[in-house]
Amino acid sequence: MLVKDIYQVVEQDFLQVNQLIIEQLHSDVPLVEKIGQHIIESGGKRMRPLLVLLAAKALGHTSEKQDQEQNPALLAAIIEFLHTATLLHDDVVDISDQRRGKATANAKWGNAPSVLVGDFLYSRAFQMMVSLGSLEIMNTLSNATCVIAEGEVLQLMNVKNPDVNEAKYREVIQGKTAMLFEASSHSAALLSNANQDQAEALRLYGHHIGMAFQLVDDVLDYVGDAKELGKDVGDDLAEGKPTLPLIYAMQHASPEHATLIRNAIRKGGTEELAAIIEIVQNCGAINYTNEKAREHVVLAKQSIDLLDNSDAKSALMALADLAIERTH
């Protein structure tokens, strides 16, 4: 199944999601709307809203009803607002000037407006959440936002620390990335009145997809194409982030090469990028990280075996493959 075929399964629902996003971005403060529109319209794949819609449809729940309550499109828009808020804050923390091939909001308008508009989007997301009328979903999403924030803080603490091990790295990516994927599929199941087994299956599916997605992201930072990625290759190294390709390389490359990587992480920057790309490729770090991503994809697919066969279930299976087959 091609990418466009996956999206086509919930095409009508996505139209409603886009309309809700436009409506809910409204603010009496022009700069709020301008920054919000800038990042939401900057070409993202909207995988998390897609996950909401596919999970709901796999359980027989669509957005055909126009009322606010139990509307998967509204939940998908909420998830997109939460994700967008984290992007605004992340770009400030990482001092990023490019995302998806375009200038970041903080590069265009400064750090303070970006942080404050991120706060606005978080707040608007919770306003929209109230209209869903589900304390269970609100509990799931409010917990997720806390875990995401903790993951980002933990990552910040690990910056320029070459002693971070794989377990600590996994803790970071579970918080900062996988948690929102997990919350997307889990809250969609809750909205669709899934039974306990179905809800847990979709929660696990989201977790494993999110882990695979971030593992591949960290690989692409060393083997990707800057034009396709929409950001510079080597950004993680420039920020001194010890991701799994580097962690593995420090453990399996020669002592001389391990020392080179350790020093590069401590210092940050990309002066040694070419040499480090060669090291991570030659010592098996890229293959190892990709294999770990594939393991999560297998687990994701296994977790939803219990769902009835449908176009939406097939799309979820294809989406799992897309997490590791993508090039950006």
Protein backbone atom coordinates (compact mmCIF):
# COMPACT_ATOMS: atom_id res chain seq x y z
CA MET A 1 0.00 0.00 0.00
CA LEU A 2 1.43 3.39 -1.05
CA VAL A 3 1.51 6.42 1.25
CA LYS A 4 -1.32 8.10 -0.67
CA ASP A 5 -3.40 4.93 -0.33
CA ILE A 6 -2.99 4.98 3.45
CA TYR A 7 -4.25 8.56 3.66
CA GLN A 8 -7.06 7.85 1.21
CA VAL A 9 -8.63 5.38 3.66
CA VAL A 10 -9.59 8.33 5.88
CA GLU A 11 -9.63 11.06 3.23
CA GLN A 12 -13.03 12.49 4.17
CA ASP A 13 -12.18 12.52 7.86
CA PHE A 14 -8.94 14.37 7.09
CA LEU A 15 -10.88 17.13 5.33
CA GLN A 16 -12.81 17.66 8.54
CA VAL A 17 -9.58 17.65 10.58
CA ASN A 18 -8.11 20.38 8.37
CA GLN A 19 -11.25 22.48 8.71
CA LEU A 20 -11.21 22.12 12.49
CA ILE A 21 -7.55 23.16 12.62
CA ILE A 22 -8.29 26.31 10.65
CA GLU A 23 -11.28 27.15 12.85
CA GLN A 24 -9.49 26.48 16.14
CA LEU A 25 -6.41 28.51 15.18
CA HIS A 26 -8.57 31.63 15.34
CA SER A 27 -7.35 34.25 17.78
CA ASP A 28 -7.98 37.95 18.29
CA VAL A 29 -4.20 38.34 18.43
CA PRO A 30 -2.94 38.32 14.79
CA LEU A 31 0.56 37.07 15.65
CA VAL A 32 -0.90 33.97 17.31
CA GLU A 33 -2.71 33.02 14.12
CA LYS A 34 0.28 33.88 11.93
CA ILE A 35 2.75 31.70 13.85
CA GLY A 36 0.24 28.88 14.30
CA GLN A 37 -0.54 28.81 10.60
CA HIS A 38 3.14 28.98 9.70
CA ILE A 39 4.06 25.77 11.49
CA ILE A 40 0.85 23.83 10.83
CA GLU A 41 1.02 24.60 7.10
CA SER A 42 4.74 23.86 6.74
CA GLY A 43 4.34 20.47 5.13
CA GLY A 44 4.25 17.96 7.97
CA LYS A 45 3.05 14.40 7.36
CA ARG A 46 0.44 14.61 10.16
CA MET A 47 1.12 11.01 11.08
CA ARG A 48 -0.34 11.35 14.56
CA PRO A 49 -3.75 12.63 13.38
CA LEU A 50 -3.62 9.92 10.71
CA LEU A 51 -3.08 7.36 13.44
CA VAL A 52 -6.13 8.67 15.34
CA LEU A 53 -8.38 8.40 12.29
CA LEU A 54 -7.15 4.96 11.22
CA ALA A 55 -7.41 3.53 14.74
CA ALA A 56 -10.96 4.85 15.12
CA LYS A 57 -11.99 3.57 11.69
CA ALA A 58 -10.45 0.16 12.39
CA LEU A 59 -12.94 -0.01 15.27
CA GLY A 60 -15.81 1.06 13.00
CA HIS A 61 -15.81 4.69 14.14
CA THR A 62 -15.64 7.57 11.63
CA SER A 63 -16.20 11.33 11.69
CA GLU A 64 -19.44 11.25 9.72
CA LYS A 65 -21.34 12.52 12.76
CA GLN A 66 -21.11 16.29 12.90
CA ASP A 67 -21.62 16.69 16.65
CA GLN A 68 -18.58 17.53 18.75
CA GLU A 69 -18.73 14.60 21.12
CA GLN A 70 -17.02 11.36 20.09
CA ASN A 71 -15.75 12.87 16.85
CA PRO A 72 -12.43 11.30 15.71
CA ALA A 73 -11.67 14.36 13.56
CA LEU A 74 -11.82 16.59 16.64
CA LEU A 75 -9.52 14.24 18.53
CA ALA A 76 -7.12 14.20 15.58
CA ALA A 77 -7.06 18.02 15.53
CA ILE A 78 -6.34 18.05 19.26
CA ILE A 79 -3.39 15.70 18.75
CA GLU A 80 -2.06 17.91 15.94
CA PHE A 81 -2.26 20.98 18.18
CA LEU A 82 -0.38 19.19 20.97
CA HIS A 83 2.28 18.06 18.50
CA THR A 84 2.60 21.54 16.99
CA ALA A 85 3.05 23.08 20.43
CA THR A 86 5.92 20.70 21.16
CA LEU A 87 7.56 21.59 17.83
CA LEU A 88 7.45 25.30 18.63
CA HIS A 89 9.03 24.71 22.02
CA ASP A 90 11.58 22.17 20.69
CA ASP A 91 12.86 24.57 18.03
CA VAL A 92 13.51 27.18 20.70
CA VAL A 93 15.29 24.71 22.97
CA ASP A 94 17.37 23.30 20.08
CA ILE A 95 18.01 26.77 18.60
CA SER A 96 16.81 25.38 15.26
CA ASP A 97 16.50 27.70 12.27
CA GLN A 98 15.01 25.19 9.81
CA ARG A 99 12.27 22.58 9.94
CA ARG A 100 10.78 20.73 6.94
CA GLY A 101 12.90 22.89 4.66
CA LYS A 102 11.46 26.17 5.93
CA ALA A 103 12.49 28.74 8.50
CA THR A 104 11.33 27.88 12.01
CA ALA A 105 8.95 30.20 13.83
CA ASN A 106 11.67 31.22 16.28
CA ALA A 107 13.98 32.11 13.39
CA LYS A 108 11.26 34.32 11.86
CA TRP A 109 9.65 35.89 14.93
CA GLY A 110 11.96 35.17 17.84
CA ASN A 111 11.97 32.83 20.82
CA ALA A 112 9.47 34.59 23.05
CA PRO A 113 6.56 34.65 20.54
CA SER A 114 7.27 31.01 19.62
CA VAL A 115 7.11 29.82 23.22
CA LEU A 116 3.97 31.81 23.94
CA VAL A 117 2.15 30.59 20.83
CA GLY A 118 3.16 27.07 21.79
CA ASP A 119 1.48 27.72 25.14
CA PHE A 120 -1.60 28.99 23.32
CA LEU A 121 -1.82 25.80 21.23
CA TYR A 122 -1.51 23.62 24.33
CA SER A 123 -4.29 25.61 25.98
CA ARG A 124 -6.51 25.52 22.90
CA ALA A 125 -5.98 21.75 22.67
CA PHE A 126 -7.30 21.33 26.21
CA GLN A 127 -10.27 23.59 25.44
CA MET A 128 -11.10 21.30 22.53
CA MET A 129 -10.53 18.26 24.73
CA VAL A 130 -13.24 19.40 27.12
CA SER A 131 -15.76 19.37 24.28
CA LEU A 132 -15.09 15.65 23.76
CA GLY A 133 -16.71 15.08 27.13
CA SER A 134 -14.43 12.22 28.18
CA LEU A 135 -12.47 12.33 31.42
CA GLU A 136 -10.72 9.12 30.39
CA ILE A 137 -9.37 10.72 27.21
CA MET A 138 -8.42 13.89 29.05
CA ASN A 139 -6.54 11.81 31.59
CA THR A 140 -4.70 9.96 28.82
CA LEU A 141 -3.70 13.12 26.97
CA SER A 142 -2.83 15.18 30.04
CA ASN A 143 -0.60 12.35 31.24
CA ALA A 144 0.99 12.19 27.80
CA THR A 145 1.85 15.90 27.79
CA CYS A 146 3.59 15.49 31.16
CA VAL A 147 5.60 12.50 29.93
CA ILE A 148 6.55 14.36 26.74
CA ALA A 149 7.81 17.34 28.76
CA GLU A 150 9.81 15.01 31.01
CA GLY A 151 11.30 13.31 27.95
CA GLU A 152 12.42 16.64 26.55
CA VAL A 153 13.98 17.66 29.87
CA LEU A 154 15.74 14.29 30.11
CA GLN A 155 17.10 14.75 26.59
CA LEU A 156 18.34 18.21 27.54
CA MET A 157 20.13 16.72 30.56
CA ASN A 158 21.82 14.17 28.28
CA VAL A 159 23.12 16.70 25.79
CA LYS A 160 26.93 16.57 25.44
CA ASN A 161 27.06 13.50 27.67
CA PRO A 162 28.83 10.61 25.87
CA ASP A 163 28.13 8.24 28.80
CA VAL A 164 24.40 7.91 27.99
CA ASN A 165 23.60 4.22 27.47
CA GLU A 166 20.96 2.59 25.26
CA ALA A 167 18.49 2.17 28.12
CA LYS A 168 18.61 5.88 28.96
CA TYR A 169 18.33 6.76 25.26
CA ARG A 170 15.21 4.59 24.97
CA GLU A 171 13.72 6.34 27.98
CA VAL A 172 14.20 9.66 26.21
CA ILE A 173 12.61 8.64 22.92
CA GLN A 174 9.72 6.90 24.68
CA GLY A 175 8.92 10.23 26.33
CA LYS A 176 9.64 12.80 23.67
CA THR A 177 8.33 10.89 20.63
CA ALA A 178 6.65 7.53 21.24
CA MET A 179 4.34 8.85 23.96
CA LEU A 180 2.29 11.04 21.63
CA PHE A 181 1.95 8.22 19.08
CA GLU A 182 0.80 5.96 21.91
CA ALA A 183 -1.65 8.55 23.20
CA SER A 184 -3.01 9.06 19.67
CA SER A 185 -3.95 5.45 19.05
CA HIS A 186 -5.00 4.79 22.65
CA SER A 187 -7.29 7.84 22.91
CA ALA A 188 -8.84 6.95 19.55
CA ALA A 189 -9.67 3.52 20.96
CA LEU A 190 -11.18 5.08 24.07
CA LEU A 191 -13.23 7.47 21.94
CA SER A 192 -14.50 4.50 19.93
CA ASN A 193 -15.65 2.61 23.03
CA ALA A 194 -13.15 -0.18 22.40
CA ASN A 195 -13.06 -3.11 24.77
CA GLN A 196 -10.06 -3.48 27.07
CA ASP A 197 -8.15 -5.80 24.75
CA GLN A 198 -8.66 -3.55 21.73
CA ALA A 199 -7.65 -0.42 23.65
CA GLU A 200 -4.47 -2.07 24.92
CA ALA A 201 -3.66 -3.42 21.46
CA LEU A 202 -3.90 0.04 19.91
CA ARG A 203 -1.95 1.62 22.77
CA LEU A 204 0.90 -0.85 22.16
CA TYR A 205 0.67 -0.28 18.42
CA GLY A 206 1.16 3.47 18.89
CA HIS A 207 4.06 2.92 21.28
CA HIS A 208 5.95 0.65 18.88
CA ILE A 209 5.27 2.86 15.86
CA GLY A 210 6.57 5.88 17.77
CA MET A 211 9.73 4.08 18.86
CA ALA A 212 10.40 2.88 15.30
CA PHE A 213 9.74 6.36 13.93
CA GLN A 214 12.31 7.99 16.22
CA LEU A 215 14.93 5.28 15.71
CA VAL A 216 14.71 5.82 11.94
CA ASP A 217 14.80 9.59 12.48
CA ASP A 218 18.09 9.17 14.33
CA VAL A 219 19.49 7.02 11.51
CA LEU A 220 18.48 9.58 8.88
CA ASP A 221 20.50 12.21 10.73
CA TYR A 222 23.58 10.33 9.49
CA VAL A 223 22.50 8.82 6.17
CA GLY A 224 19.63 11.03 5.00
CA ASP A 225 19.48 13.69 2.31
CA ALA A 226 19.28 17.24 3.64
CA LYS A 227 16.80 18.34 0.94
CA GLU A 228 14.46 15.45 1.68
CA LEU A 229 14.83 15.81 5.45
CA GLY A 230 14.15 19.54 5.38
CA LYS A 231 17.01 20.06 7.82
CA ASP A 232 20.76 19.67 7.89
CA VAL A 233 22.26 16.20 8.18
CA GLY A 234 24.20 15.94 11.43
CA ASP A 235 21.91 18.20 13.46
CA ASP A 236 21.91 15.75 16.38
CA LEU A 237 25.70 15.69 16.50
CA ALA A 238 25.82 19.48 16.19
CA GLU A 239 23.68 19.68 19.33
CA GLY A 240 25.71 17.03 21.14
CA LYS A 241 22.84 14.51 21.29
CA PRO A 242 23.99 10.94 22.01
CA THR A 243 21.56 8.98 19.81
CA LEU A 244 21.65 5.21 19.29
CA PRO A 245 23.94 5.20 16.21
CA LEU A 246 26.57 7.04 18.25
CA ILE A 247 26.00 4.98 21.41
CA TYR A 248 26.46 1.74 19.45
CA ALA A 249 29.51 3.09 17.61
CA MET A 250 31.23 4.08 20.85
CA GLN A 251 30.77 0.52 22.08
CA HIS A 252 31.83 -1.32 18.92
CA ALA A 253 34.22 0.92 16.97
CA SER A 254 37.96 1.03 17.62
CA PRO A 255 39.11 2.85 20.79
CA GLU A 256 40.45 5.65 18.61
CA HIS A 257 37.14 6.09 16.81
CA ALA A 258 35.18 5.83 20.06
CA THR A 259 37.28 8.63 21.52
CA LEU A 260 36.66 10.76 18.43
CA ILE A 261 32.88 10.34 18.86
CA ARG A 262 32.99 10.99 22.61
CA ASN A 263 34.89 14.23 22.07
CA ALA A 264 32.50 15.30 19.28
CA ILE A 265 29.48 14.74 21.55
CA ARG A 266 31.10 16.71 24.39
CA LYS A 267 31.97 19.60 22.08
CA GLY A 268 28.95 19.62 19.75
CA GLY A 269 29.30 20.94 16.21
CA THR A 270 29.86 19.12 12.93
CA GLU A 271 33.61 19.48 12.38
CA GLU A 272 34.04 15.70 12.57
CA LEU A 273 30.73 14.84 10.87
CA ALA A 274 32.20 13.22 7.74
CA ALA A 275 34.50 11.00 9.78
CA ILE A 276 31.74 10.05 12.21
CA ILE A 277 29.30 9.19 9.40
CA GLU A 278 31.93 6.80 8.03
CA ILE A 279 32.48 5.27 11.47
CA VAL A 280 28.79 4.66 12.25
CA GLN A 281 28.28 3.09 8.84
CA ASN A 282 31.36 0.86 8.95
CA CYS A 283 30.94 -0.43 12.52
CA GLY A 284 27.34 -1.57 11.99
CA ALA A 285 25.65 1.18 14.03
CA ILE A 286 23.22 2.09 11.25
CA ASN A 287 22.27 -1.53 10.66
CA TYR A 288 21.84 -2.11 14.39
CA THR A 289 19.57 0.91 14.83
CA ASN A 290 17.51 -0.01 11.78
CA GLU A 291 17.12 -3.55 13.10
CA LYS A 292 15.83 -2.24 16.42
CA ALA A 293 13.30 -0.15 14.49
CA ARG A 294 12.21 -3.23 12.53
CA GLU A 295 11.70 -5.13 15.78
CA HIS A 296 9.27 -2.45 16.94
CA VAL A 297 7.41 -2.61 13.62
CA VAL A 298 6.96 -6.37 14.00
CA LEU A 299 5.60 -5.87 17.52
CA ALA A 300 3.28 -3.09 16.29
CA LYS A 301 1.78 -5.38 13.66
CA GLN A 302 1.42 -8.27 16.10
CA SER A 303 -0.38 -6.06 18.60
CA ILE A 304 -3.30 -5.38 16.23
CA ASP A 305 -3.74 -8.94 14.98
CA LEU A 306 -6.90 -9.16 17.07
CA LEU A 307 -8.65 -6.37 15.15
CA ASP A 308 -11.17 -7.37 12.49
CA ASN A 309 -9.83 -7.22 8.93
CA SER A 310 -10.65 -3.94 7.17
CA ASP A 311 -9.13 -1.27 4.94
CA ALA A 312 -8.22 0.68 8.08
CA LYS A 313 -6.42 -2.29 9.64
CA SER A 314 -4.51 -2.83 6.37
CA ALA A 315 -3.58 0.84 6.40
CA LEU A 316 -2.31 0.54 9.98
CA MET A 317 -0.15 -2.39 8.91
CA ALA A 318 1.18 -0.37 5.96
CA LEU A 319 1.79 2.64 8.21
CA ALA A 320 4.00 0.45 10.40
CA ASP A 321 6.12 -0.42 7.36
CA LEU A 322 6.24 3.24 6.35
CA ALA A 323 7.84 4.11 9.69
CA ILE A 324 11.02 2.29 8.66
CA GLU A 325 10.88 2.63 4.87
CA ARG A 326 10.71 6.42 4.78
CA THR A 327 13.59 8.63 3.69
CA HIS A 328 12.47 11.81 5.47
